[in-house]
Amino acid sequence: RRLGWHAAGRGLIAPVLARAANDNRRDGGDAGPAGAAFDPLLAEALKHFAIHGLAAAEAAVDLAAEAGARGDANAKDRWLAITQMFDRRLAARAGRAPEPA
């Protein structure tokens, strides 16, 4: 009996497919450690990176400065946190209050 491609495929792939499991729960139950690790700030930073590319850190620090000028401390902190994900030193420099002259 000659073993062709199909026979080899059934022998090697079928057992793997039979054991495959879908870990995307649809019953609304606890998603486990992967679901608990979701970070909305990280998702926002990734969207920001998708828009601005390698200039994302500079754009985020500019948005933090604009929020600070408006007096919106929450937005400033959020943009500084996003800046920190891209460039910690830039975020540290931007987060320091300017020294009076």
PDB file of N, CA and C in Angstrom:
ATOM      1  N   ARG A   1       0.845  -1.184   0.000  1.00  0.00           N
ATOM      2  CA  ARG A   1       0.000   0.000   0.000  1.00  0.00           C
ATOM      3  C   ARG A   1       0.885   1.239   0.000  1.00  0.00           C
ATOM      4  N   ARG A   2       0.570   2.176  -0.830  1.00  0.00           N
ATOM      5  CA  ARG A   2       1.382   3.382  -0.974  1.00  0.00           C
ATOM      6  C   ARG A   2       0.801   4.511  -0.122  1.00  0.00           C
ATOM      7  N   LEU A   3       1.658   5.144   0.679  1.00  0.00           N
ATOM      8  CA  LEU A   3       1.222   6.276   1.491  1.00  0.00           C
ATOM      9  C   LEU A   3       1.414   7.558   0.704  1.00  0.00           C
ATOM     10  N   GLY A   4       0.368   8.217   0.431  1.00  0.00           N
ATOM     11  CA  GLY A   4       0.441   9.476  -0.300  1.00  0.00           C
ATOM     12  C   GLY A   4       0.367  10.657   0.662  1.00  0.00           C
ATOM     13  N   TRP A   5       0.269  11.830   0.090  1.00  0.00           N
ATOM     14  CA  TRP A   5       0.209  13.070   0.870  1.00  0.00           C
ATOM     15  C   TRP A   5      -0.992  13.069   1.810  1.00  0.00           C
ATOM     16  N   HIS A   6      -2.130  12.599   1.313  1.00  0.00           N
ATOM     17  CA  HIS A   6      -3.344  12.623   2.122  1.00  0.00           C
ATOM     18  C   HIS A   6      -3.236  11.690   3.319  1.00  0.00           C
ATOM     19  N   ALA A   7      -2.641  10.542   3.112  1.00  0.00           N
ATOM     20  CA  ALA A   7      -2.495   9.614   4.230  1.00  0.00           C
ATOM     21  C   ALA A   7      -1.550  10.184   5.276  1.00  0.00           C
ATOM     22  N   ALA A   8      -0.475  10.798   4.819  1.00  0.00           N
ATOM     23  CA  ALA A   8       0.464  11.403   5.762  1.00  0.00           C
ATOM     24  C   ALA A   8      -0.199  12.564   6.487  1.00  0.00           C
ATOM     25  N   GLY A   9      -1.006  13.322   5.769  1.00  0.00           N
ATOM     26  CA  GLY A   9      -1.699  14.449   6.386  1.00  0.00           C
ATOM     27  C   GLY A   9      -2.685  13.999   7.441  1.00  0.00           C
ATOM     28  N   ARG A  10      -3.413  12.927   7.151  1.00  0.00           N
ATOM     29  CA  ARG A  10      -4.360  12.423   8.144  1.00  0.00           C
ATOM     30  C   ARG A  10      -3.634  11.892   9.362  1.00  0.00           C
ATOM     31  N   GLY A  11      -2.484  11.301   9.142  1.00  0.00           N
ATOM     32  CA  GLY A  11      -1.763  10.710  10.259  1.00  0.00           C
ATOM     33  C   GLY A  11      -1.108  11.741  11.161  1.00  0.00           C
ATOM     34  N   LEU A  12      -0.663  12.845  10.591  1.00  0.00           N
ATOM     35  CA  LEU A  12       0.057  13.832  11.390  1.00  0.00           C
ATOM     36  C   LEU A  12      -0.817  14.989  11.857  1.00  0.00           C
ATOM     37  N   ILE A  13      -1.742  15.403  11.029  1.00  0.00           N
ATOM     38  CA  ILE A  13      -2.508  16.603  11.343  1.00  0.00           C
ATOM     39  C   ILE A  13      -3.796  16.289  12.085  1.00  0.00           C
ATOM     40  N   ALA A  14      -4.460  15.224  11.738  1.00  0.00           N
ATOM     41  CA  ALA A  14      -5.751  14.919  12.340  1.00  0.00           C
ATOM     42  C   ALA A  14      -5.688  14.802  13.859  1.00  0.00           C
ATOM     43  N   PRO A  15      -4.686  14.130  14.446  1.00  0.00           N
ATOM     44  CA  PRO A  15      -4.657  14.073  15.906  1.00  0.00           C
ATOM     45  C   PRO A  15      -4.507  15.456  16.544  1.00  0.00           C
ATOM     46  N   VAL A  16      -3.777  16.321  15.899  1.00  0.00           N
ATOM     47  CA  VAL A  16      -3.613  17.670  16.437  1.00  0.00           C
ATOM     48  C   VAL A  16      -4.927  18.419  16.365  1.00  0.00           C
ATOM     49  N   LEU A  17      -5.624  18.309  15.241  1.00  0.00           N
ATOM     50  CA  LEU A  17      -6.900  18.993  15.102  1.00  0.00           C
ATOM     51  C   LEU A  17      -7.934  18.442  16.071  1.00  0.00           C
ATOM     52  N   ALA A  18      -7.874  17.158  16.356  1.00  0.00           N
ATOM     53  CA  ALA A  18      -8.828  16.561  17.276  1.00  0.00           C
ATOM     54  C   ALA A  18      -8.636  17.094  18.691  1.00  0.00           C
ATOM     55  N   ARG A  19      -7.422  17.513  19.034  1.00  0.00           N
ATOM     56  CA  ARG A  19      -7.158  18.009  20.383  1.00  0.00           C
ATOM     57  C   ARG A  19      -7.246  19.531  20.483  1.00  0.00           C
ATOM     58  N   ALA A  20      -7.477  20.214  19.362  1.00  0.00           N
ATOM     59  CA  ALA A  20      -7.505  21.678  19.390  1.00  0.00           C
ATOM     60  C   ALA A  20      -8.676  22.165  20.232  1.00  0.00           C
ATOM     61  N   ALA A  21      -8.447  23.237  20.936  1.00  0.00           N
ATOM     62  CA  ALA A  21      -9.491  23.813  21.781  1.00  0.00           C
ATOM     63  C   ALA A  21      -9.540  25.316  21.545  1.00  0.00           C
ATOM     64  N   ASN A  22     -10.715  25.867  21.608  1.00  0.00           N
ATOM     65  CA  ASN A  22     -10.885  27.303  21.455  1.00  0.00           C
ATOM     66  C   ASN A  22     -10.893  27.922  22.846  1.00  0.00           C
ATOM     67  N   ASP A  23      -9.953  28.819  23.104  1.00  0.00           N
ATOM     68  CA  ASP A  23      -9.890  29.433  24.425  1.00  0.00           C
ATOM     69  C   ASP A  23     -10.648  30.756  24.482  1.00  0.00           C
ATOM     70  N   ASN A  24     -11.339  31.116  23.417  1.00  0.00           N
ATOM     71  CA  ASN A  24     -12.164  32.324  23.428  1.00  0.00           C
ATOM     72  C   ASN A  24     -13.536  31.945  23.956  1.00  0.00           C
ATOM     73  N   ARG A  25     -13.767  32.232  25.221  1.00  0.00           N
ATOM     74  CA  ARG A  25     -15.020  31.832  25.849  1.00  0.00           C
ATOM     75  C   ARG A  25     -16.153  32.722  25.376  1.00  0.00           C
ATOM     76  N   ARG A  26     -17.281  32.109  25.077  1.00  0.00           N
ATOM     77  CA  ARG A  26     -18.458  32.853  24.643  1.00  0.00           C
ATOM     78  C   ARG A  26     -19.576  32.792  25.678  1.00  0.00           C
ATOM     79  N   ASP A  27     -19.372  32.108  26.775  1.00  0.00           N
ATOM     80  CA  ASP A  27     -20.432  31.947  27.760  1.00  0.00           C
ATOM     81  C   ASP A  27     -20.481  33.092  28.765  1.00  0.00           C
ATOM     82  N   GLY A  28     -19.628  34.090  28.609  1.00  0.00           N
ATOM     83  CA  GLY A  28     -19.638  35.227  29.518  1.00  0.00           C
ATOM     84  C   GLY A  28     -18.935  34.957  30.823  1.00  0.00           C
ATOM     85  N   GLY A  29     -18.317  33.798  30.953  1.00  0.00           N
ATOM     86  CA  GLY A  29     -17.603  33.468  32.175  1.00  0.00           C
ATOM     87  C   GLY A  29     -16.287  34.203  32.276  1.00  0.00           C
ATOM     88  N   ASP A  30     -15.569  33.927  33.335  1.00  0.00           N
ATOM     89  CA  ASP A  30     -14.274  34.558  33.544  1.00  0.00           C
ATOM     90  C   ASP A  30     -13.311  34.114  32.455  1.00  0.00           C
ATOM     91  N   ALA A  31     -12.644  35.080  31.851  1.00  0.00           N
ATOM     92  CA  ALA A  31     -11.722  34.769  30.761  1.00  0.00           C
ATOM     93  C   ALA A  31     -10.379  34.281  31.271  1.00  0.00           C
ATOM     94  N   GLY A  32     -10.188  34.267  32.554  1.00  0.00           N
ATOM     95  CA  GLY A  32      -8.939  33.778  33.126  1.00  0.00           C
ATOM     96  C   GLY A  32      -7.865  34.840  33.133  1.00  0.00           C
ATOM     97  N   PRO A  33      -6.615  34.423  33.243  1.00  0.00           N
ATOM     98  CA  PRO A  33      -5.520  35.381  33.361  1.00  0.00           C
ATOM     99  C   PRO A  33      -5.371  36.287  32.148  1.00  0.00           C
ATOM    100  N   ALA A  34      -5.687  35.793  30.960  1.00  0.00           N
ATOM    101  CA  ALA A  34      -5.537  36.634  29.768  1.00  0.00           C
ATOM    102  C   ALA A  34      -6.524  37.791  29.802  1.00  0.00           C
ATOM    103  N   GLY A  35      -7.740  37.554  30.252  1.00  0.00           N
ATOM    104  CA  GLY A  35      -8.732  38.618  30.335  1.00  0.00           C
ATOM    105  C   GLY A  35      -8.416  39.606  31.432  1.00  0.00           C
ATOM    106  N   ALA A  36      -7.816  39.135  32.500  1.00  0.00           N
ATOM    107  CA  ALA A  36      -7.476  40.013  33.608  1.00  0.00           C
ATOM    108  C   ALA A  36      -6.303  40.911  33.262  1.00  0.00           C
ATOM    109  N   ALA A  37      -5.511  40.543  32.256  1.00  0.00           N
ATOM    110  CA  ALA A  37      -4.328  41.309  31.900  1.00  0.00           C
ATOM    111  C   ALA A  37      -4.640  42.439  30.925  1.00  0.00           C
ATOM    112  N   PHE A  38      -5.886  42.610  30.516  1.00  0.00           N
ATOM    113  CA  PHE A  38      -6.237  43.669  29.572  1.00  0.00           C
ATOM    114  C   PHE A  38      -6.016  45.026  30.217  1.00  0.00           C
ATOM    115  N   ASP A  39      -5.318  45.893  29.513  1.00  0.00           N
ATOM    116  CA  ASP A  39      -5.014  47.230  30.010  1.00  0.00           C
ATOM    117  C   ASP A  39      -5.565  48.247  29.019  1.00  0.00           C
ATOM    118  N   PRO A  40      -6.623  48.979  29.383  1.00  0.00           N
ATOM    119  CA  PRO A  40      -7.191  49.948  28.450  1.00  0.00           C
ATOM    120  C   PRO A  40      -6.203  51.041  28.056  1.00  0.00           C
ATOM    121  N   LEU A  41      -5.304  51.407  28.956  1.00  0.00           N
ATOM    122  CA  LEU A  41      -4.305  52.425  28.630  1.00  0.00           C
ATOM    123  C   LEU A  41      -3.346  51.911  27.558  1.00  0.00           C
ATOM    124  N   LEU A  42      -2.992  50.638  27.636  1.00  0.00           N
ATOM    125  CA  LEU A  42      -2.137  50.042  26.612  1.00  0.00           C
ATOM    126  C   LEU A  42      -2.848  50.026  25.261  1.00  0.00           C
ATOM    127  N   ALA A  43      -4.125  49.703  25.262  1.00  0.00           N
ATOM    128  CA  ALA A  43      -4.891  49.709  24.012  1.00  0.00           C
ATOM    129  C   ALA A  43      -4.928  51.114  23.417  1.00  0.00           C
ATOM    130  N   GLU A  44      -5.107  52.117  24.259  1.00  0.00           N
ATOM    131  CA  GLU A  44      -5.113  53.498  23.772  1.00  0.00           C
ATOM    132  C   GLU A  44      -3.738  53.892  23.236  1.00  0.00           C
ATOM    133  N   ALA A  45      -2.682  53.450  23.908  1.00  0.00           N
ATOM    134  CA  ALA A  45      -1.323  53.750  23.442  1.00  0.00           C
ATOM    135  C   ALA A  45      -1.050  53.087  22.099  1.00  0.00           C
ATOM    136  N   LEU A  46      -1.534  51.874  21.909  1.00  0.00           N
ATOM    137  CA  LEU A  46      -1.337  51.188  20.633  1.00  0.00           C
ATOM    138  C   LEU A  46      -2.094  51.881  19.504  1.00  0.00           C
ATOM    139  N   LYS A  47      -3.298  52.365  19.790  1.00  0.00           N
ATOM    140  CA  LYS A  47      -4.045  53.121  18.781  1.00  0.00           C
ATOM    141  C   LYS A  47      -3.304  54.415  18.442  1.00  0.00           C
ATOM    142  N   HIS A  48      -2.778  55.079  19.472  1.00  0.00           N
ATOM    143  CA  HIS A  48      -2.020  56.313  19.269  1.00  0.00           C
ATOM    144  C   HIS A  48      -0.784  56.032  18.411  1.00  0.00           C
ATOM    145  N   PHE A  49      -0.113  54.917  18.673  1.00  0.00           N
ATOM    146  CA  PHE A  49       1.057  54.534  17.881  1.00  0.00           C
ATOM    147  C   PHE A  49       0.672  54.231  16.436  1.00  0.00           C
ATOM    148  N   ALA A  50      -0.490  53.617  16.250  1.00  0.00           N
ATOM    149  CA  ALA A  50      -0.947  53.311  14.891  1.00  0.00           C
ATOM    150  C   ALA A  50      -1.167  54.584  14.084  1.00  0.00           C
ATOM    151  N   ILE A  51      -1.576  55.643  14.746  1.00  0.00           N
ATOM    152  CA  ILE A  51      -1.817  56.910  14.053  1.00  0.00           C
ATOM    153  C   ILE A  51      -0.521  57.672  13.819  1.00  0.00           C
ATOM    154  N   HIS A  52       0.332  57.759  14.843  1.00  0.00           N
ATOM    155  CA  HIS A  52       1.502  58.640  14.796  1.00  0.00           C
ATOM    156  C   HIS A  52       2.814  57.933  14.494  1.00  0.00           C
ATOM    157  N   GLY A  53       2.841  56.621  14.557  1.00  0.00           N
ATOM    158  CA  GLY A  53       4.069  55.885  14.253  1.00  0.00           C
ATOM    159  C   GLY A  53       5.181  56.207  15.230  1.00  0.00           C
ATOM    160  N   LEU A  54       6.400  56.376  14.712  1.00  0.00           N
ATOM    161  CA  LEU A  54       7.557  56.604  15.576  1.00  0.00           C
ATOM    162  C   LEU A  54       7.530  57.960  16.264  1.00  0.00           C
ATOM    163  N   ALA A  55       6.662  58.854  15.834  1.00  0.00           N
ATOM    164  CA  ALA A  55       6.524  60.162  16.481  1.00  0.00           C
ATOM    165  C   ALA A  55       5.456  60.136  17.574  1.00  0.00           C
ATOM    166  N   ALA A  56       5.028  58.951  17.991  1.00  0.00           N
ATOM    167  CA  ALA A  56       3.944  58.832  18.960  1.00  0.00           C
ATOM    168  C   ALA A  56       4.307  59.435  20.309  1.00  0.00           C
ATOM    169  N   ALA A  57       5.536  59.271  20.758  1.00  0.00           N
ATOM    170  CA  ALA A  57       5.930  59.817  22.062  1.00  0.00           C
ATOM    171  C   ALA A  57       5.863  61.336  22.047  1.00  0.00           C
ATOM    172  N   GLU A  58       6.392  61.946  20.999  1.00  0.00           N
ATOM    173  CA  GLU A  58       6.369  63.408  20.911  1.00  0.00           C
ATOM    174  C   GLU A  58       4.941  63.929  20.792  1.00  0.00           C
ATOM    175  N   ALA A  59       4.104  63.240  20.024  1.00  0.00           N
ATOM    176  CA  ALA A  59       2.707  63.655  19.887  1.00  0.00           C
ATOM    177  C   ALA A  59       1.975  63.526  21.217  1.00  0.00           C
ATOM    178  N   ALA A  60       2.253  62.467  21.969  1.00  0.00           N
ATOM    179  CA  ALA A  60       1.596  62.273  23.262  1.00  0.00           C
ATOM    180  C   ALA A  60       2.038  63.325  24.269  1.00  0.00           C
ATOM    181  N   VAL A  61       3.322  63.674  24.273  1.00  0.00           N
ATOM    182  CA  VAL A  61       3.784  64.696  25.214  1.00  0.00           C
ATOM    183  C   VAL A  61       3.221  66.064  24.826  1.00  0.00           C
ATOM    184  N   ASP A  62       3.033  66.315  23.542  1.00  0.00           N
ATOM    185  CA  ASP A  62       2.388  67.562  23.109  1.00  0.00           C
ATOM    186  C   ASP A  62       0.935  67.611  23.578  1.00  0.00           C
ATOM    187  N   LEU A  63       0.239  66.482  23.471  1.00  0.00           N
ATOM    188  CA  LEU A  63      -1.143  66.421  23.946  1.00  0.00           C
ATOM    189  C   LEU A  63      -1.213  66.577  25.463  1.00  0.00           C
ATOM    190  N   ALA A  64      -0.218  66.064  26.175  1.00  0.00           N
ATOM    191  CA  ALA A  64      -0.165  66.247  27.628  1.00  0.00           C
ATOM    192  C   ALA A  64       0.035  67.718  27.965  1.00  0.00           C
ATOM    193  N   ALA A  65       0.887  68.400  27.209  1.00  0.00           N
ATOM    194  CA  ALA A  65       1.117  69.826  27.446  1.00  0.00           C
ATOM    195  C   ALA A  65      -0.148  70.630  27.160  1.00  0.00           C
ATOM    196  N   GLU A  66      -0.860  70.279  26.096  1.00  0.00           N
ATOM    197  CA  GLU A  66      -2.118  70.967  25.787  1.00  0.00           C
ATOM    198  C   GLU A  66      -3.140  70.752  26.892  1.00  0.00           C
ATOM    199  N   ALA A  67      -3.229  69.529  27.394  1.00  0.00           N
ATOM    200  CA  ALA A  67      -4.169  69.239  28.482  1.00  0.00           C
ATOM    201  C   ALA A  67      -3.779  70.004  29.742  1.00  0.00           C
ATOM    202  N   GLY A  68      -2.483  70.100  30.012  1.00  0.00           N
ATOM    203  CA  GLY A  68      -2.026  70.870  31.167  1.00  0.00           C
ATOM    204  C   GLY A  68      -2.349  72.345  31.023  1.00  0.00           C
ATOM    205  N   ALA A  69      -2.220  72.874  29.812  1.00  0.00           N
ATOM    206  CA  ALA A  69      -2.544  74.282  29.573  1.00  0.00           C
ATOM    207  C   ALA A  69      -4.039  74.542  29.753  1.00  0.00           C
ATOM    208  N   ARG A  70      -4.869  73.550  29.442  1.00  0.00           N
ATOM    209  CA  ARG A  70      -6.319  73.676  29.642  1.00  0.00           C
ATOM    210  C   ARG A  70      -6.699  73.493  31.099  1.00  0.00           C
ATOM    211  N   GLY A  71      -5.784  72.964  31.896  1.00  0.00           N
ATOM    212  CA  GLY A  71      -6.077  72.691  33.301  1.00  0.00           C
ATOM    213  C   GLY A  71      -6.717  71.335  33.534  1.00  0.00           C
ATOM    214  N   ASP A  72      -6.650  70.454  32.568  1.00  0.00           N
ATOM    215  CA  ASP A  72      -7.229  69.114  32.671  1.00  0.00           C
ATOM    216  C   ASP A  72      -6.153  68.155  33.177  1.00  0.00           C
ATOM    217  N   ALA A  73      -6.079  67.998  34.499  1.00  0.00           N
ATOM    218  CA  ALA A  73      -5.029  67.180  35.114  1.00  0.00           C
ATOM    219  C   ALA A  73      -5.178  65.702  34.766  1.00  0.00           C
ATOM    220  N   ASN A  74      -6.418  65.211  34.665  1.00  0.00           N
ATOM    221  CA  ASN A  74      -6.623  63.791  34.340  1.00  0.00           C
ATOM    222  C   ASN A  74      -6.117  63.468  32.942  1.00  0.00           C
ATOM    223  N   ALA A  75      -6.443  64.324  31.979  1.00  0.00           N
ATOM    224  CA  ALA A  75      -5.978  64.091  30.608  1.00  0.00           C
ATOM    225  C   ALA A  75      -4.463  64.218  30.534  1.00  0.00           C
ATOM    226  N   LYS A  76      -3.908  65.176  31.265  1.00  0.00           N
ATOM    227  CA  LYS A  76      -2.450  65.341  31.265  1.00  0.00           C
ATOM    228  C   LYS A  76      -1.774  64.084  31.804  1.00  0.00           C
ATOM    229  N   ASP A  77      -2.282  63.563  32.913  1.00  0.00           N
ATOM    230  CA  ASP A  77      -1.703  62.346  33.500  1.00  0.00           C
ATOM    231  C   ASP A  77      -1.839  61.155  32.554  1.00  0.00           C
ATOM    232  N   ARG A  78      -2.997  61.053  31.877  1.00  0.00           N
ATOM    233  CA  ARG A  78      -3.204  59.950  30.938  1.00  0.00           C
ATOM    234  C   ARG A  78      -2.221  60.038  29.777  1.00  0.00           C
ATOM    235  N   TRP A  79      -2.025  61.234  29.212  1.00  0.00           N
ATOM    236  CA  TRP A  79      -1.098  61.386  28.097  1.00  0.00           C
ATOM    237  C   TRP A  79       0.342  61.195  28.540  1.00  0.00           C
ATOM    238  N   LEU A  80       0.664  61.596  29.762  1.00  0.00           N
ATOM    239  CA  LEU A  80       2.023  61.339  30.259  1.00  0.00           C
ATOM    240  C   LEU A  80       2.255  59.840  30.461  1.00  0.00           C
ATOM    241  N   ALA A  81       1.220  59.118  30.893  1.00  0.00           N
ATOM    242  CA  ALA A  81       1.343  57.663  31.041  1.00  0.00           C
ATOM    243  C   ALA A  81       1.545  57.002  29.679  1.00  0.00           C
ATOM    244  N   ILE A  82       0.849  57.505  28.666  1.00  0.00           N
ATOM    245  CA  ILE A  82       1.034  56.975  27.312  1.00  0.00           C
ATOM    246  C   ILE A  82       2.428  57.322  26.810  1.00  0.00           C
ATOM    247  N   THR A  83       2.880  58.543  27.075  1.00  0.00           N
ATOM    248  CA  THR A  83       4.238  58.935  26.687  1.00  0.00           C
ATOM    249  C   THR A  83       5.257  58.021  27.342  1.00  0.00           C
ATOM    250  N   GLN A  84       5.024  57.669  28.602  1.00  0.00           N
ATOM    251  CA  GLN A  84       5.955  56.807  29.331  1.00  0.00           C
ATOM    252  C   GLN A  84       6.060  55.428  28.695  1.00  0.00           C
ATOM    253  N   MET A  85       4.986  54.960  28.095  1.00  0.00           N
ATOM    254  CA  MET A  85       5.044  53.657  27.428  1.00  0.00           C
ATOM    255  C   MET A  85       5.985  53.687  26.226  1.00  0.00           C
ATOM    256  N   PHE A  86       6.125  54.861  25.602  1.00  0.00           N
ATOM    257  CA  PHE A  86       6.987  54.995  24.430  1.00  0.00           C
ATOM    258  C   PHE A  86       8.391  55.461  24.790  1.00  0.00           C
ATOM    259  N   ASP A  87       8.495  56.420  25.712  1.00  0.00           N
ATOM    260  CA  ASP A  87       9.785  57.039  26.027  1.00  0.00           C
ATOM    261  C   ASP A  87       9.757  57.507  27.478  1.00  0.00           C
ATOM    262  N   ARG A  88      10.362  56.734  28.367  1.00  0.00           N
ATOM    263  CA  ARG A  88      10.322  57.047  29.801  1.00  0.00           C
ATOM    264  C   ARG A  88      11.039  58.344  30.133  1.00  0.00           C
ATOM    265  N   ARG A  89      12.169  58.579  29.485  1.00  0.00           N
ATOM    266  CA  ARG A  89      12.916  59.808  29.783  1.00  0.00           C
ATOM    267  C   ARG A  89      12.145  61.049  29.347  1.00  0.00           C
ATOM    268  N   LEU A  90      11.525  60.993  28.194  1.00  0.00           N
ATOM    269  CA  LEU A  90      10.728  62.125  27.727  1.00  0.00           C
ATOM    270  C   LEU A  90       9.558  62.373  28.669  1.00  0.00           C
ATOM    271  N   ALA A  91       8.915  61.318  29.127  1.00  0.00           N
ATOM    272  CA  ALA A  91       7.798  61.465  30.060  1.00  0.00           C
ATOM    273  C   ALA A  91       8.271  62.049  31.384  1.00  0.00           C
ATOM    274  N   ALA A  92       9.442  61.629  31.849  1.00  0.00           N
ATOM    275  CA  ALA A  92       9.974  62.166  33.110  1.00  0.00           C
ATOM    276  C   ALA A  92      10.285  63.654  32.969  1.00  0.00           C
ATOM    277  N   ARG A  93      10.871  64.044  31.843  1.00  0.00           N
ATOM    278  CA  ARG A  93      11.163  65.469  31.620  1.00  0.00           C
ATOM    279  C   ARG A  93       9.874  66.278  31.525  1.00  0.00           C
ATOM    280  N   ALA A  94       8.878  65.743  30.843  1.00  0.00           N
ATOM    281  CA  ALA A  94       7.621  66.466  30.668  1.00  0.00           C
ATOM    282  C   ALA A  94       6.816  66.517  31.960  1.00  0.00           C
ATOM    283  N   GLY A  95       6.972  65.507  32.807  1.00  0.00           N
ATOM    284  CA  GLY A  95       6.216  65.455  34.052  1.00  0.00           C
ATOM    285  C   GLY A  95       6.736  66.377  35.132  1.00  0.00           C
ATOM    286  N   ARG A  96       7.989  66.774  35.018  1.00  0.00           N
ATOM    287  CA  ARG A  96       8.548  67.697  36.011  1.00  0.00           C
ATOM    288  C   ARG A  96       7.973  69.085  35.808  1.00  0.00           C
ATOM    289  N   ALA A  97       7.672  69.726  36.910  1.00  0.00           N
ATOM    290  CA  ALA A  97       7.167  71.105  36.835  1.00  0.00           C
ATOM    291  C   ALA A  97       8.313  72.028  36.452  1.00  0.00           C
ATOM    292  N   PRO A  98       8.051  73.011  35.613  1.00  0.00           N
ATOM    293  CA  PRO A  98       9.122  73.946  35.250  1.00  0.00           C
ATOM    294  C   PRO A  98       9.558  74.762  36.463  1.00  0.00           C
ATOM    295  N   GLU A  99      10.870  74.965  36.575  1.00  0.00           N
ATOM    296  CA  GLU A  99      11.398  75.726  37.705  1.00  0.00           C
ATOM    297  C   GLU A  99      11.185  77.212  37.466  1.00  0.00           C
ATOM    298  N   PRO A 100      10.785  77.949  38.515  1.00  0.00           N
ATOM    299  CA  PRO A 100      10.592  79.390  38.345  1.00  0.00           C
ATOM    300  C   PRO A 100      11.924  80.080  38.079  1.00  0.00           C
ATOM    301  N   ALA A 101      11.896  81.100  37.243  1.00  0.00           N
ATOM    302  CA  ALA A 101      13.127  81.813  36.877  1.00  0.00           C
ATOM    303  C   ALA A 101      13.491  82.869  37.888  1.00  0.00           C
TER     304      ALA A 101
END
